[in-house]
Each structure stands twice: as C-alpha cells, then as structure tokens.
Amino acid sequence: FLPDKLKLEVETLQQHPEARLVFSNIYYIDEEGCITGTWIENDPPPAGHVLKETFSLDWPKGHTYRNELVALHALKEVGFYDEELHIWEDWEIRVRFTSRFAVAYCPVPLAEYRRHPEGISRISNPDLHIRTMKKAYEKNFHLLQNLSARDRKDVERKVFAILLPHEAKYAFASGRRFEALRKYTALALQNPFTPDGWRPLLRFLLGSRMLKLPKAVIGKMRKSRLS
C-alpha cells in the first residue's frame, strides 16, 4: 500500500455514499520493485453496479480490481472468502459482493502489484484452473438472474472464453491433441471478430505438426520452381 491509500479511499467512499467498496488504480512492479506500468491507462474502469463486468471479467487487462477497501458489514453480509477455493477465490467473492453492492473508483494509483513468473496463477496446473473456475461459476450461477437475458448470455460467453483455453492447454498437455484443437476451434467460433478468439487457434496450429504437411508441399513447389 502507498502512504495515502486509506485516506484517499475513505474520502472516495464519502463522496459515493451508495457504494460499500472502493478500489484504486495500481502500479505494476517487477521482481526488483521497479514500476513497469499501471492497471488503468486511459478510460476509467466500470463503477457502480458491476456484477456483469465482474462475473465476465470484463475489466481492463482482463482482471478485476485489487486491494479494495470494503465496508465490514457489507463483507459479512455476502460472506467471506470461500476457503475451499485455492485459486480464483478473489474473483468468486467479488462476484458475490457486486451482486449486492455498488463500488466506487479512485483514479490515483495507491498500491503496487508485483508480477513475477512464480505467481500462483501462473504455476498452477491448468486442470486446477478449470475445476476451480467451474466450481465458482456454478456456485454463483443463480446470481445471473439479476441480469437481463442479453447480459446473461454475454457473461456465459465470456466465462467460457476464459475456460476454453485452459481446457485446450490441459488436453494438449495430456496428449489429447484433437480435443485441444476442438476447444481452440470452439473459442474461435464464439469470438470470431476478436484476437482473443482466433489467435490461440492460430498459435496452436502454427506450433503443431498439423501444418508440417502443407509446409513440406510448399517447400517442394519452391524447389521445383527454382530448378
């Protein structure tokens, strides 16, 4: 936490009496503690009633707020962290919280977030990601009834767009290449107009043996053309 964090966030809550939680911008730092950037760079993140954005992880750079300041009575009302979840527990509690309460945003970076290759999300087994996220999703699925039909479908599509790459990676690591291809293809079909949809499929194809035959054919054609 930076020195003015609590002071500025309390002031933000006082300016937004409808909110029961306030979050701020953050600095990213590397392993040596050097600042490498900020979470929010241009447009402000969502604030107010943000269940849809939180459930679908539709936030800047794909992650929700961190280091939030929360009203204790509100936290008690929604319940604390689910101790059965070893990862994704922060996403799960924020889904529950935003289903009941509004949140406020302070644009000043007031915390530093260290990113390093040994972070728990990076080293965790893909199967653990899949099982835990599905469990959190199914546990809170009923909260989607608070959204419009269109928003519910959007949340479901985006959640499975996050799940599918994990499932594909796990299938590939387990030797099930056709299943991995099927998962990546489903992701591309769900999100045909975004890089997050088709880029993983292309990366998989370019890095697999599936393109070796066309490459070999093209190589032979070039050789025959040169001769």
C-alpha atoms as a PDB file:
ATOM      1  CA  PHE A   1       0.000   0.000   0.000  1.00  0.00           C
ATOM      2  CA  LEU A   2       1.174   3.534  -0.728  1.00  0.00           C
ATOM      3  CA  PRO A   3       1.005   6.151   2.065  1.00  0.00           C
ATOM      4  CA  ASP A   4      -2.262   7.885   1.069  1.00  0.00           C
ATOM      5  CA  LYS A   5      -4.221   4.736   0.178  1.00  0.00           C
ATOM      6  CA  LEU A   6      -6.649   4.560   3.101  1.00  0.00           C
ATOM      7  CA  LYS A   7      -7.079   8.322   3.338  1.00  0.00           C
ATOM      8  CA  LEU A   8      -7.994   8.830  -0.328  1.00  0.00           C
ATOM      9  CA  GLU A   9     -10.182   5.741  -0.492  1.00  0.00           C
ATOM     10  CA  VAL A  10     -12.167   6.748   2.601  1.00  0.00           C
ATOM     11  CA  GLU A  11     -12.685  10.158   1.009  1.00  0.00           C
ATOM     12  CA  THR A  12     -13.894   8.436  -2.182  1.00  0.00           C
ATOM     13  CA  LEU A  13     -16.408   6.387  -0.207  1.00  0.00           C
ATOM     14  CA  GLN A  14     -17.668   9.547   1.485  1.00  0.00           C
ATOM     15  CA  GLN A  15     -18.220  11.072  -1.970  1.00  0.00           C
ATOM     16  CA  HIS A  16     -20.162   7.969  -3.093  1.00  0.00           C
ATOM     17  CA  PRO A  17     -22.468   7.029  -0.190  1.00  0.00           C
ATOM     18  CA  GLU A  18     -24.230   4.411  -2.312  1.00  0.00           C
ATOM     19  CA  ALA A  19     -21.001   2.364  -2.552  1.00  0.00           C
ATOM     20  CA  ARG A  20     -19.758  -0.149   0.006  1.00  0.00           C
ATOM     21  CA  LEU A  21     -16.407  -0.768  -1.631  1.00  0.00           C
ATOM     22  CA  VAL A  22     -13.732   1.413  -3.212  1.00  0.00           C
ATOM     23  CA  PHE A  23     -10.828   0.332  -5.388  1.00  0.00           C
ATOM     24  CA  SER A  24      -7.989   2.329  -6.886  1.00  0.00           C
ATOM     25  CA  ASN A  25      -5.608   2.272  -9.777  1.00  0.00           C
ATOM     26  CA  ILE A  26      -2.417   0.297  -9.135  1.00  0.00           C
ATOM     27  CA  TYR A  27       1.198   0.332 -10.238  1.00  0.00           C
ATOM     28  CA  TYR A  28       2.669  -2.841 -11.695  1.00  0.00           C
ATOM     29  CA  ILE A  29       6.169  -3.567 -10.430  1.00  0.00           C
ATOM     30  CA  ASP A  30       8.710  -6.191 -11.450  1.00  0.00           C
ATOM     31  CA  GLU A  31      10.705  -8.590  -9.294  1.00  0.00           C
ATOM     32  CA  GLU A  32      13.120  -5.801  -8.396  1.00  0.00           C
ATOM     33  CA  GLY A  33      10.368  -3.409  -7.331  1.00  0.00           C
ATOM     34  CA  CYS A  34      10.646  -1.155 -10.394  1.00  0.00           C
ATOM     35  CA  ILE A  35       7.397   0.299 -11.774  1.00  0.00           C
ATOM     36  CA  THR A  36       6.565  -1.157 -15.187  1.00  0.00           C
ATOM     37  CA  GLY A  37       3.143   0.434 -15.799  1.00  0.00           C
ATOM     38  CA  THR A  38      -0.323   0.971 -14.378  1.00  0.00           C
ATOM     39  CA  TRP A  39      -3.507  -1.065 -14.481  1.00  0.00           C
ATOM     40  CA  ILE A  40      -5.732   1.768 -15.754  1.00  0.00           C
ATOM     41  CA  GLU A  41      -4.070   3.767 -18.507  1.00  0.00           C
ATOM     42  CA  ASN A  42      -6.803   5.574 -20.410  1.00  0.00           C
ATOM     43  CA  ASP A  43     -10.543   5.138 -19.946  1.00  0.00           C
ATOM     44  CA  PRO A  44     -11.766   4.649 -16.358  1.00  0.00           C
ATOM     45  CA  PRO A  45     -12.920   1.158 -15.323  1.00  0.00           C
ATOM     46  CA  PRO A  46     -16.570   0.330 -14.581  1.00  0.00           C
ATOM     47  CA  ALA A  47     -18.009   1.518 -11.275  1.00  0.00           C
ATOM     48  CA  GLY A  48     -21.405   1.459  -9.587  1.00  0.00           C
ATOM     49  CA  HIS A  49     -23.302  -1.824 -10.023  1.00  0.00           C
ATOM     50  CA  VAL A  50     -20.782  -4.002 -11.839  1.00  0.00           C
ATOM     51  CA  LEU A  51     -21.977  -7.605 -11.444  1.00  0.00           C
ATOM     52  CA  LYS A  52     -21.966  -8.179 -15.209  1.00  0.00           C
ATOM     53  CA  GLU A  53     -18.426  -6.873 -15.670  1.00  0.00           C
ATOM     54  CA  THR A  54     -17.126  -8.724 -12.612  1.00  0.00           C
ATOM     55  CA  PHE A  55     -18.751 -12.071 -13.430  1.00  0.00           C
ATOM     56  CA  SER A  56     -17.448 -11.950 -17.007  1.00  0.00           C
ATOM     57  CA  LEU A  57     -14.052 -10.432 -16.050  1.00  0.00           C
ATOM     58  CA  ASP A  58     -14.792  -7.650 -18.490  1.00  0.00           C
ATOM     59  CA  TRP A  59     -12.281  -5.277 -16.893  1.00  0.00           C
ATOM     60  CA  PRO A  60      -9.128  -3.566 -18.165  1.00  0.00           C
ATOM     61  CA  LYS A  61      -6.402  -6.110 -18.932  1.00  0.00           C
ATOM     62  CA  GLY A  62      -8.731  -8.956 -18.021  1.00  0.00           C
ATOM     63  CA  HIS A  63      -8.645  -8.730 -14.255  1.00  0.00           C
ATOM     64  CA  THR A  64     -10.896  -7.171 -11.663  1.00  0.00           C
ATOM     65  CA  TYR A  65      -9.949  -4.598  -9.051  1.00  0.00           C
ATOM     66  CA  ARG A  66      -7.426  -5.466  -6.328  1.00  0.00           C
ATOM     67  CA  ASN A  67      -6.549  -4.249  -2.843  1.00  0.00           C
ATOM     68  CA  GLU A  68     -10.064  -2.921  -2.328  1.00  0.00           C
ATOM     69  CA  LEU A  69     -11.297  -1.145   0.805  1.00  0.00           C
ATOM     70  CA  VAL A  70     -14.566  -2.745   1.920  1.00  0.00           C
ATOM     71  CA  ALA A  71     -17.229  -1.895   4.467  1.00  0.00           C
ATOM     72  CA  LEU A  72     -17.034  -4.703   7.025  1.00  0.00           C
ATOM     73  CA  HIS A  73     -20.799  -5.005   7.490  1.00  0.00           C
ATOM     74  CA  ALA A  74     -21.219  -5.499   3.723  1.00  0.00           C
ATOM     75  CA  LEU A  75     -18.492  -8.134   3.636  1.00  0.00           C
ATOM     76  CA  LYS A  76     -20.169 -10.002   6.494  1.00  0.00           C
ATOM     77  CA  GLU A  77     -23.457  -9.879   4.602  1.00  0.00           C
ATOM     78  CA  VAL A  78     -22.092 -11.523   1.457  1.00  0.00           C
ATOM     79  CA  GLY A  79     -19.804 -13.875   3.366  1.00  0.00           C
ATOM     80  CA  PHE A  80     -16.037 -14.072   3.437  1.00  0.00           C
ATOM     81  CA  TYR A  81     -13.654 -15.933   1.139  1.00  0.00           C
ATOM     82  CA  ASP A  82     -14.581 -19.466   0.133  1.00  0.00           C
ATOM     83  CA  GLU A  83     -11.826 -21.469   1.808  1.00  0.00           C
ATOM     84  CA  GLU A  84     -12.415 -24.446  -0.496  1.00  0.00           C
ATOM     85  CA  LEU A  85     -11.052 -22.452  -3.431  1.00  0.00           C
ATOM     86  CA  HIS A  86      -7.267 -22.292  -3.731  1.00  0.00           C
ATOM     87  CA  ILE A  87      -7.264 -20.025  -6.792  1.00  0.00           C
ATOM     88  CA  TRP A  88      -9.957 -17.807  -8.307  1.00  0.00           C
ATOM     89  CA  GLU A  89     -11.193 -17.121  -4.757  1.00  0.00           C
ATOM     90  CA  ASP A  90     -10.820 -13.359  -5.215  1.00  0.00           C
ATOM     91  CA  TRP A  91     -12.962 -13.416  -8.366  1.00  0.00           C
ATOM     92  CA  GLU A  92     -15.590 -15.527  -6.634  1.00  0.00           C
ATOM     93  CA  ILE A  93     -16.014 -13.243  -3.620  1.00  0.00           C
ATOM     94  CA  ARG A  94     -16.155 -10.161  -5.844  1.00  0.00           C
ATOM     95  CA  VAL A  95     -18.946 -11.747  -7.883  1.00  0.00           C
ATOM     96  CA  ARG A  96     -20.945 -12.213  -4.696  1.00  0.00           C
ATOM     97  CA  PHE A  97     -20.156  -8.715  -3.471  1.00  0.00           C
ATOM     98  CA  THR A  98     -21.073  -6.899  -6.677  1.00  0.00           C
ATOM     99  CA  SER A  99     -24.336  -8.819  -6.868  1.00  0.00           C
ATOM    100  CA  ARG A 100     -25.482  -6.803  -3.824  1.00  0.00           C
ATOM    101  CA  PHE A 101     -23.471  -3.613  -3.537  1.00  0.00           C
ATOM    102  CA  ALA A 102     -22.193  -0.753  -5.662  1.00  0.00           C
ATOM    103  CA  VAL A 103     -18.484   0.033  -5.903  1.00  0.00           C
ATOM    104  CA  ALA A 104     -16.563   3.292  -6.354  1.00  0.00           C
ATOM    105  CA  TYR A 105     -13.260   4.040  -8.097  1.00  0.00           C
ATOM    106  CA  CYS A 106     -10.334   6.245  -7.076  1.00  0.00           C
ATOM    107  CA  PRO A 107      -8.132   7.012 -10.117  1.00  0.00           C
ATOM    108  CA  VAL A 108      -4.932   7.577  -8.127  1.00  0.00           C
ATOM    109  CA  PRO A 109      -2.534   4.571  -8.107  1.00  0.00           C
ATOM    110  CA  LEU A 110      -2.448   3.662  -4.413  1.00  0.00           C
ATOM    111  CA  ALA A 111      -0.893   0.192  -4.348  1.00  0.00           C
ATOM    112  CA  GLU A 112       1.904  -1.709  -6.049  1.00  0.00           C
ATOM    113  CA  TYR A 113       1.269  -5.121  -7.568  1.00  0.00           C
ATOM    114  CA  ARG A 114       4.272  -7.347  -8.143  1.00  0.00           C
ATOM    115  CA  ARG A 115       4.232  -9.532 -11.254  1.00  0.00           C
ATOM    116  CA  HIS A 116       6.675 -12.428 -11.454  1.00  0.00           C
ATOM    117  CA  PRO A 117       6.873 -15.831 -13.174  1.00  0.00           C
ATOM    118  CA  GLU A 118       6.337 -17.768  -9.942  1.00  0.00           C
ATOM    119  CA  GLY A 119       2.911 -16.242  -9.236  1.00  0.00           C
ATOM    120  CA  ILE A 120       0.359 -18.815  -8.084  1.00  0.00           C
ATOM    121  CA  SER A 121      -1.894 -18.274 -11.119  1.00  0.00           C
ATOM    122  CA  ARG A 122       0.994 -18.959 -13.496  1.00  0.00           C
ATOM    123  CA  ILE A 123       2.351 -22.084 -11.833  1.00  0.00           C
ATOM    124  CA  SER A 124      -0.998 -23.696 -11.021  1.00  0.00           C
ATOM    125  CA  ASN A 125      -1.975 -26.758 -13.032  1.00  0.00           C
ATOM    126  CA  PRO A 126      -4.429 -25.991 -15.889  1.00  0.00           C
ATOM    127  CA  ASP A 127      -6.725 -28.682 -14.520  1.00  0.00           C
ATOM    128  CA  LEU A 128      -6.913 -26.816 -11.188  1.00  0.00           C
ATOM    129  CA  HIS A 129      -7.851 -23.612 -13.048  1.00  0.00           C
ATOM    130  CA  ILE A 130     -10.607 -25.450 -14.909  1.00  0.00           C
ATOM    131  CA  ARG A 131     -12.103 -27.245 -11.910  1.00  0.00           C
ATOM    132  CA  THR A 132     -11.938 -24.206  -9.613  1.00  0.00           C
ATOM    133  CA  MET A 133     -13.377 -21.716 -12.066  1.00  0.00           C
ATOM    134  CA  LYS A 134     -16.222 -24.077 -12.986  1.00  0.00           C
ATOM    135  CA  LYS A 135     -16.976 -24.625  -9.311  1.00  0.00           C
ATOM    136  CA  ALA A 136     -17.075 -20.866  -8.629  1.00  0.00           C
ATOM    137  CA  TYR A 137     -19.193 -20.290 -11.741  1.00  0.00           C
ATOM    138  CA  GLU A 138     -21.731 -22.979 -10.858  1.00  0.00           C
ATOM    139  CA  LYS A 139     -21.893 -21.818  -7.240  1.00  0.00           C
ATOM    140  CA  ASN A 140     -22.874 -18.299  -8.300  1.00  0.00           C
ATOM    141  CA  PHE A 141     -24.804 -19.071 -11.481  1.00  0.00           C
ATOM    142  CA  HIS A 142     -28.084 -18.110  -9.786  1.00  0.00           C
ATOM    143  CA  LEU A 143     -26.825 -14.529  -9.454  1.00  0.00           C
ATOM    144  CA  LEU A 144     -27.106 -14.135 -13.221  1.00  0.00           C
ATOM    145  CA  GLN A 145     -30.861 -13.973 -12.757  1.00  0.00           C
ATOM    146  CA  ASN A 146     -30.304 -10.391 -11.606  1.00  0.00           C
ATOM    147  CA  LEU A 147     -29.193  -9.509 -15.138  1.00  0.00           C
ATOM    148  CA  SER A 148     -31.076  -9.131 -18.397  1.00  0.00           C
ATOM    149  CA  ALA A 149     -31.234 -12.112 -20.751  1.00  0.00           C
ATOM    150  CA  ARG A 150     -28.790 -10.408 -23.106  1.00  0.00           C
ATOM    151  CA  ASP A 151     -26.301  -9.699 -20.306  1.00  0.00           C
ATOM    152  CA  ARG A 152     -26.601 -13.267 -19.021  1.00  0.00           C
ATOM    153  CA  LYS A 153     -25.665 -14.651 -22.425  1.00  0.00           C
ATOM    154  CA  ASP A 154     -22.767 -12.228 -22.666  1.00  0.00           C
ATOM    155  CA  VAL A 155     -21.448 -13.323 -19.263  1.00  0.00           C
ATOM    156  CA  GLU A 156     -21.751 -17.014 -20.158  1.00  0.00           C
ATOM    157  CA  ARG A 157     -19.937 -16.473 -23.458  1.00  0.00           C
ATOM    158  CA  LYS A 158     -17.079 -14.576 -21.829  1.00  0.00           C
ATOM    159  CA  VAL A 159     -16.662 -17.019 -18.952  1.00  0.00           C
ATOM    160  CA  PHE A 160     -16.380 -19.934 -21.350  1.00  0.00           C
ATOM    161  CA  ALA A 161     -13.984 -17.904 -23.489  1.00  0.00           C
ATOM    162  CA  ILE A 162     -11.718 -17.886 -20.419  1.00  0.00           C
ATOM    163  CA  LEU A 163     -12.290 -21.565 -19.636  1.00  0.00           C
ATOM    164  CA  LEU A 164     -11.745 -22.922 -23.150  1.00  0.00           C
ATOM    165  CA  PRO A 165      -8.032 -22.001 -23.444  1.00  0.00           C
ATOM    166  CA  HIS A 166      -7.323 -23.646 -20.075  1.00  0.00           C
ATOM    167  CA  GLU A 167      -9.202 -26.760 -21.197  1.00  0.00           C
ATOM    168  CA  ALA A 168      -7.346 -26.770 -24.517  1.00  0.00           C
ATOM    169  CA  LYS A 169      -3.934 -26.437 -22.835  1.00  0.00           C
ATOM    170  CA  TYR A 170      -4.756 -29.236 -20.417  1.00  0.00           C
ATOM    171  CA  ALA A 171      -5.953 -31.502 -23.246  1.00  0.00           C
ATOM    172  CA  PHE A 172      -2.780 -30.816 -25.253  1.00  0.00           C
ATOM    173  CA  ALA A 173      -0.523 -31.430 -22.239  1.00  0.00           C
ATOM    174  CA  SER A 174      -2.372 -34.719 -21.674  1.00  0.00           C
ATOM    175  CA  GLY A 175      -1.723 -35.832 -25.255  1.00  0.00           C
ATOM    176  CA  ARG A 176      -5.288 -35.238 -26.472  1.00  0.00           C
ATOM    177  CA  ARG A 177      -4.410 -33.056 -29.453  1.00  0.00           C
ATOM    178  CA  PHE A 178      -7.687 -33.443 -31.317  1.00  0.00           C
ATOM    179  CA  GLU A 179      -9.620 -32.385 -28.220  1.00  0.00           C
ATOM    180  CA  ALA A 180      -7.310 -29.392 -27.839  1.00  0.00           C
ATOM    181  CA  LEU A 181      -7.979 -28.445 -31.464  1.00  0.00           C
ATOM    182  CA  ARG A 182     -11.722 -28.767 -30.860  1.00  0.00           C
ATOM    183  CA  LYS A 183     -11.541 -26.450 -27.834  1.00  0.00           C
ATOM    184  CA  TYR A 184      -9.486 -23.823 -29.670  1.00  0.00           C
ATOM    185  CA  THR A 185     -11.870 -24.011 -32.637  1.00  0.00           C
ATOM    186  CA  ALA A 186     -14.880 -23.538 -30.350  1.00  0.00           C
ATOM    187  CA  LEU A 187     -13.180 -20.484 -28.853  1.00  0.00           C
ATOM    188  CA  ALA A 188     -12.591 -19.028 -32.315  1.00  0.00           C
ATOM    189  CA  LEU A 189     -16.203 -19.662 -33.349  1.00  0.00           C
ATOM    190  CA  GLN A 190     -17.502 -17.999 -30.185  1.00  0.00           C
ATOM    191  CA  ASN A 191     -15.323 -14.902 -30.705  1.00  0.00           C
ATOM    192  CA  PRO A 192     -14.652 -14.689 -34.452  1.00  0.00           C
ATOM    193  CA  PHE A 193     -14.084 -10.929 -34.528  1.00  0.00           C
ATOM    194  CA  THR A 194     -11.633 -10.595 -31.644  1.00  0.00           C
ATOM    195  CA  PRO A 195      -7.949 -11.599 -31.407  1.00  0.00           C
ATOM    196  CA  ASP A 196      -8.683 -13.461 -28.172  1.00  0.00           C
ATOM    197  CA  GLY A 197     -10.870 -15.775 -30.196  1.00  0.00           C
ATOM    198  CA  TRP A 198      -8.770 -16.761 -33.197  1.00  0.00           C
ATOM    199  CA  ARG A 199      -5.207 -16.021 -32.021  1.00  0.00           C
ATOM    200  CA  PRO A 200      -4.974 -19.085 -29.703  1.00  0.00           C
ATOM    201  CA  LEU A 201      -6.185 -21.322 -32.553  1.00  0.00           C
ATOM    202  CA  LEU A 202      -3.580 -19.932 -34.940  1.00  0.00           C
ATOM    203  CA  ARG A 203      -0.869 -20.236 -32.297  1.00  0.00           C
ATOM    204  CA  PHE A 204      -1.853 -23.857 -31.721  1.00  0.00           C
ATOM    205  CA  LEU A 205      -1.889 -24.682 -35.429  1.00  0.00           C
ATOM    206  CA  LEU A 206       1.389 -22.954 -36.176  1.00  0.00           C
ATOM    207  CA  GLY A 207       3.072 -24.689 -33.277  1.00  0.00           C
ATOM    208  CA  SER A 208       1.764 -28.177 -34.043  1.00  0.00           C
ATOM    209  CA  ARG A 209       2.591 -30.795 -36.604  1.00  0.00           C
ATOM    210  CA  MET A 210      -0.695 -30.155 -38.364  1.00  0.00           C
ATOM    211  CA  LEU A 211       0.922 -27.609 -40.650  1.00  0.00           C
ATOM    212  CA  LYS A 212       4.048 -29.613 -41.422  1.00  0.00           C
ATOM    213  CA  LEU A 213       2.477 -31.319 -44.454  1.00  0.00           C
ATOM    214  CA  PRO A 214       1.382 -28.058 -46.152  1.00  0.00           C
ATOM    215  CA  LYS A 215       4.808 -26.576 -45.389  1.00  0.00           C
ATOM    216  CA  ALA A 216       6.518 -29.571 -46.942  1.00  0.00           C
ATOM    217  CA  VAL A 217       4.347 -29.279 -50.055  1.00  0.00           C
ATOM    218  CA  ILE A 218       5.105 -25.574 -50.364  1.00  0.00           C
ATOM    219  CA  GLY A 219       8.821 -26.302 -49.922  1.00  0.00           C
ATOM    220  CA  LYS A 220       8.783 -28.856 -52.733  1.00  0.00           C
ATOM    221  CA  MET A 221       6.944 -26.455 -55.018  1.00  0.00           C
ATOM    222  CA  ARG A 222       9.533 -23.767 -54.379  1.00  0.00           C
ATOM    223  CA  LYS A 223      12.385 -26.183 -55.085  1.00  0.00           C
ATOM    224  CA  SER A 224      10.805 -27.353 -58.340  1.00  0.00           C
ATOM    225  CA  ARG A 225      10.237 -23.729 -59.352  1.00  0.00           C
ATOM    226  CA  LEU A 226      13.899 -22.882 -58.700  1.00  0.00           C
ATOM    227  CA  SER A 227      15.104 -25.929 -60.652  1.00  0.00           C
END
